[in-house]
């Protein structure tokens, strides 16, 4: 049997390593190890052109993988979303940790558009709670599959 590899892509801020998304990623990695599920850890430490280009090349070359991108801003998820439209040889999951549009935070017009594109069009969306998933269903015209994390301490 040919099992797919799981790739976790997330923004890793070394200055403030454990924010909300960081805690979810940390618990997810812990759960995956406990369950003996192999995964490739792909932290993005900066949004420099060289790092973004490496990510794009990596994703374009990937085949038969499960790509899980975590939200901490919209730049990295939108890149993964666009690659998912080109490279259909993988499964793509977007883990969303919050929605500024729903939270009525101040948000730039461009980020509002990116958020809408991601939440309306991503193939598979994982929300950090059932309540948040229901809010997304009400606010957005999500075309993909919606999932939620039942227990934030064991994210798998």
Protein backbone atom coordinates (compact mmCIF):
# COMPACT_ATOMS: atom_id res chain seq x y z
CA UNK A 1 0.00 0.00 0.00
CA UNK A 2 1.35 3.41 -0.99
CA UNK A 3 0.61 5.79 1.91
CA UNK A 4 0.61 9.52 1.33
CA UNK A 5 3.05 11.66 3.26
CA UNK A 6 1.66 14.46 5.38
CA UNK A 7 3.35 17.84 5.06
CA UNK A 8 2.69 20.50 7.71
CA UNK A 9 3.29 24.03 6.43
CA UNK A 10 3.07 26.84 8.94
CA UNK A 11 4.57 30.20 9.74
CA UNK A 12 7.12 29.90 12.53
CA UNK A 13 7.94 33.12 14.30
CA UNK A 14 11.03 32.50 16.40
CA UNK A 15 10.48 35.71 18.41
CA UNK A 16 6.93 34.70 19.49
CA UNK A 17 6.84 30.94 18.87
CA UNK A 18 3.63 29.95 20.68
CA UNK A 19 0.71 32.04 19.57
CA UNK A 20 -2.73 30.46 18.91
CA UNK A 21 -1.78 28.82 15.59
CA UNK A 22 1.63 27.85 17.00
CA UNK A 23 0.00 26.00 19.90
CA UNK A 24 -2.30 24.11 17.53
CA UNK A 25 0.65 23.10 15.31
CA UNK A 26 2.69 22.06 18.36
CA UNK A 27 -0.17 19.87 19.67
CA UNK A 28 -0.80 18.44 16.21
CA UNK A 29 2.85 17.41 15.82
CA UNK A 30 2.78 15.87 19.30
CA UNK A 31 -0.39 13.90 18.44
CA UNK A 32 1.01 12.74 15.09
CA UNK A 33 4.18 11.45 16.78
CA UNK A 34 2.12 9.70 19.47
CA UNK A 35 0.01 8.04 16.76
CA UNK A 36 3.20 7.13 14.85
CA UNK A 37 2.07 9.05 11.77
CA UNK A 38 5.02 10.20 9.70
CA UNK A 39 5.03 13.79 8.56
CA UNK A 40 7.34 16.37 7.05
CA UNK A 41 7.71 19.49 9.16
CA UNK A 42 7.88 22.58 6.88
CA UNK A 43 8.07 25.74 8.98
CA UNK A 44 8.24 29.05 7.13
CA UNK A 45 10.45 31.38 9.14
CA UNK A 46 10.26 34.41 6.89
CA UNK A 47 8.39 35.73 3.91
CA UNK A 48 11.57 36.52 2.01
CA UNK A 49 11.44 35.89 -1.73
CA UNK A 50 13.96 33.04 -1.51
CA UNK A 51 11.87 31.18 1.11
CA UNK A 52 8.66 31.68 -0.86
CA UNK A 53 10.31 30.47 -4.09
CA UNK A 54 11.62 27.36 -2.28
CA UNK A 55 8.10 26.64 -1.03
CA UNK A 56 6.59 27.09 -4.50
CA UNK A 57 9.16 24.76 -6.10
CA UNK A 58 8.65 22.20 -3.31
CA UNK A 59 4.87 22.25 -3.79
CA UNK A 60 5.02 22.08 -7.59
CA UNK A 61 7.34 19.05 -7.41
CA UNK A 62 5.26 17.28 -4.73
CA UNK A 63 3.23 14.25 -5.73
CA UNK A 64 0.92 12.00 -3.75
CA UNK A 65 1.17 14.13 -0.58
CA UNK A 66 -1.28 15.52 1.92
CA UNK A 67 -0.48 19.21 2.26
CA UNK A 68 -1.79 20.92 5.41
CA UNK A 69 -1.16 24.68 5.53
CA UNK A 70 -1.87 26.57 8.73
CA UNK A 71 -3.09 30.13 8.75
CA UNK A 72 -1.07 32.83 10.40
CA UNK A 73 -1.80 35.53 7.91
CA UNK A 74 -2.98 34.86 4.37
CA UNK A 75 0.17 34.98 2.21
CA UNK A 76 1.37 31.39 2.66
CA UNK A 77 -2.15 29.85 2.47
CA UNK A 78 -2.96 31.77 -0.73
CA UNK A 79 0.28 30.52 -2.32
CA UNK A 80 -0.63 26.93 -1.36
CA UNK A 81 -4.17 27.47 -2.69
CA UNK A 82 -2.87 28.74 -6.05
CA UNK A 83 -0.42 25.82 -6.31
CA UNK A 84 -3.32 23.43 -5.56
CA UNK A 85 -4.98 24.67 -8.75
CA UNK A 86 -1.85 23.78 -10.76
CA UNK A 87 -0.62 20.62 -9.03
CA UNK A 88 -3.63 18.36 -8.53
CA UNK A 89 -1.51 15.35 -7.58
CA UNK A 90 -1.85 16.13 -3.85
CA UNK A 91 -4.63 16.59 -1.31
CA UNK A 92 -4.73 20.09 0.20
CA UNK A 93 -6.03 21.16 3.61
CA UNK A 94 -6.21 24.68 5.01
CA UNK A 95 -6.31 24.93 8.81
CA UNK A 96 -7.86 28.25 9.71
CA UNK A 97 -7.34 29.67 13.18
CA UNK A 98 -9.57 32.72 12.91
CA UNK A 99 -11.29 35.03 10.49
CA UNK A 100 -10.81 38.77 10.81
CA UNK A 101 -13.95 39.39 8.75
CA UNK A 102 -16.03 37.43 11.28
CA UNK A 103 -14.23 38.96 14.26
CA UNK A 104 -14.86 42.44 12.83
CA UNK A 105 -11.16 43.29 13.24
CA UNK A 106 -9.69 46.05 11.17
CA UNK A 107 -8.55 44.38 8.01
CA UNK A 108 -7.12 45.73 4.79
CA UNK A 109 -9.19 45.37 1.63
CA UNK A 110 -6.59 43.02 0.09
CA UNK A 111 -6.57 40.74 3.16
CA UNK A 112 -10.36 40.70 3.19
CA UNK A 113 -10.33 39.53 -0.45
CA UNK A 114 -7.63 36.88 0.26
CA UNK A 115 -9.59 35.60 3.26
CA UNK A 116 -12.75 35.37 1.16
CA UNK A 117 -10.93 33.50 -1.65
CA UNK A 118 -9.43 31.01 0.82
CA UNK A 119 -12.65 30.37 2.76
CA UNK A 120 -14.86 30.18 -0.31
CA UNK A 121 -12.61 28.03 -2.48
CA UNK A 122 -10.09 25.89 -0.58
CA UNK A 123 -10.66 22.17 -1.26
CA UNK A 124 -10.63 21.15 2.43
CA UNK A 125 -10.88 23.52 5.40
CA UNK A 126 -10.14 22.57 9.00
CA UNK A 127 -11.53 24.97 11.61
CA UNK A 128 -10.30 25.19 15.21
CA UNK A 129 -13.80 24.68 16.63
CA UNK A 130 -17.27 23.55 15.63
CA UNK A 131 -18.67 27.01 16.42
CA UNK A 132 -16.11 28.64 14.13
CA UNK A 133 -16.94 26.13 11.37
CA UNK A 134 -20.64 27.01 11.68
CA UNK A 135 -19.81 30.73 11.51
CA UNK A 136 -17.87 30.12 8.28
CA UNK A 137 -20.80 28.16 6.82
CA UNK A 138 -23.11 31.10 7.54
CA UNK A 139 -20.80 33.86 6.27
CA UNK A 140 -19.05 32.27 3.27
CA UNK A 141 -20.05 30.20 0.24
CA UNK A 142 -17.57 27.44 1.00
CA UNK A 143 -17.29 25.00 -1.92
CA UNK A 144 -14.95 22.52 -0.25
CA UNK A 145 -15.19 20.13 2.67
CA UNK A 146 -15.37 21.66 6.16
CA UNK A 147 -13.97 19.91 9.24
CA UNK A 148 -13.36 21.00 12.81
CA UNK A 149 -10.98 20.07 15.59
CA UNK A 150 -12.91 18.39 18.41
CA UNK A 151 -10.26 18.76 21.10
CA UNK A 152 -7.53 21.39 20.83
CA UNK A 153 -5.16 19.31 22.96
CA UNK A 154 -5.23 16.40 20.54
CA UNK A 155 -5.53 17.98 17.13
CA UNK A 156 -5.70 14.84 15.01
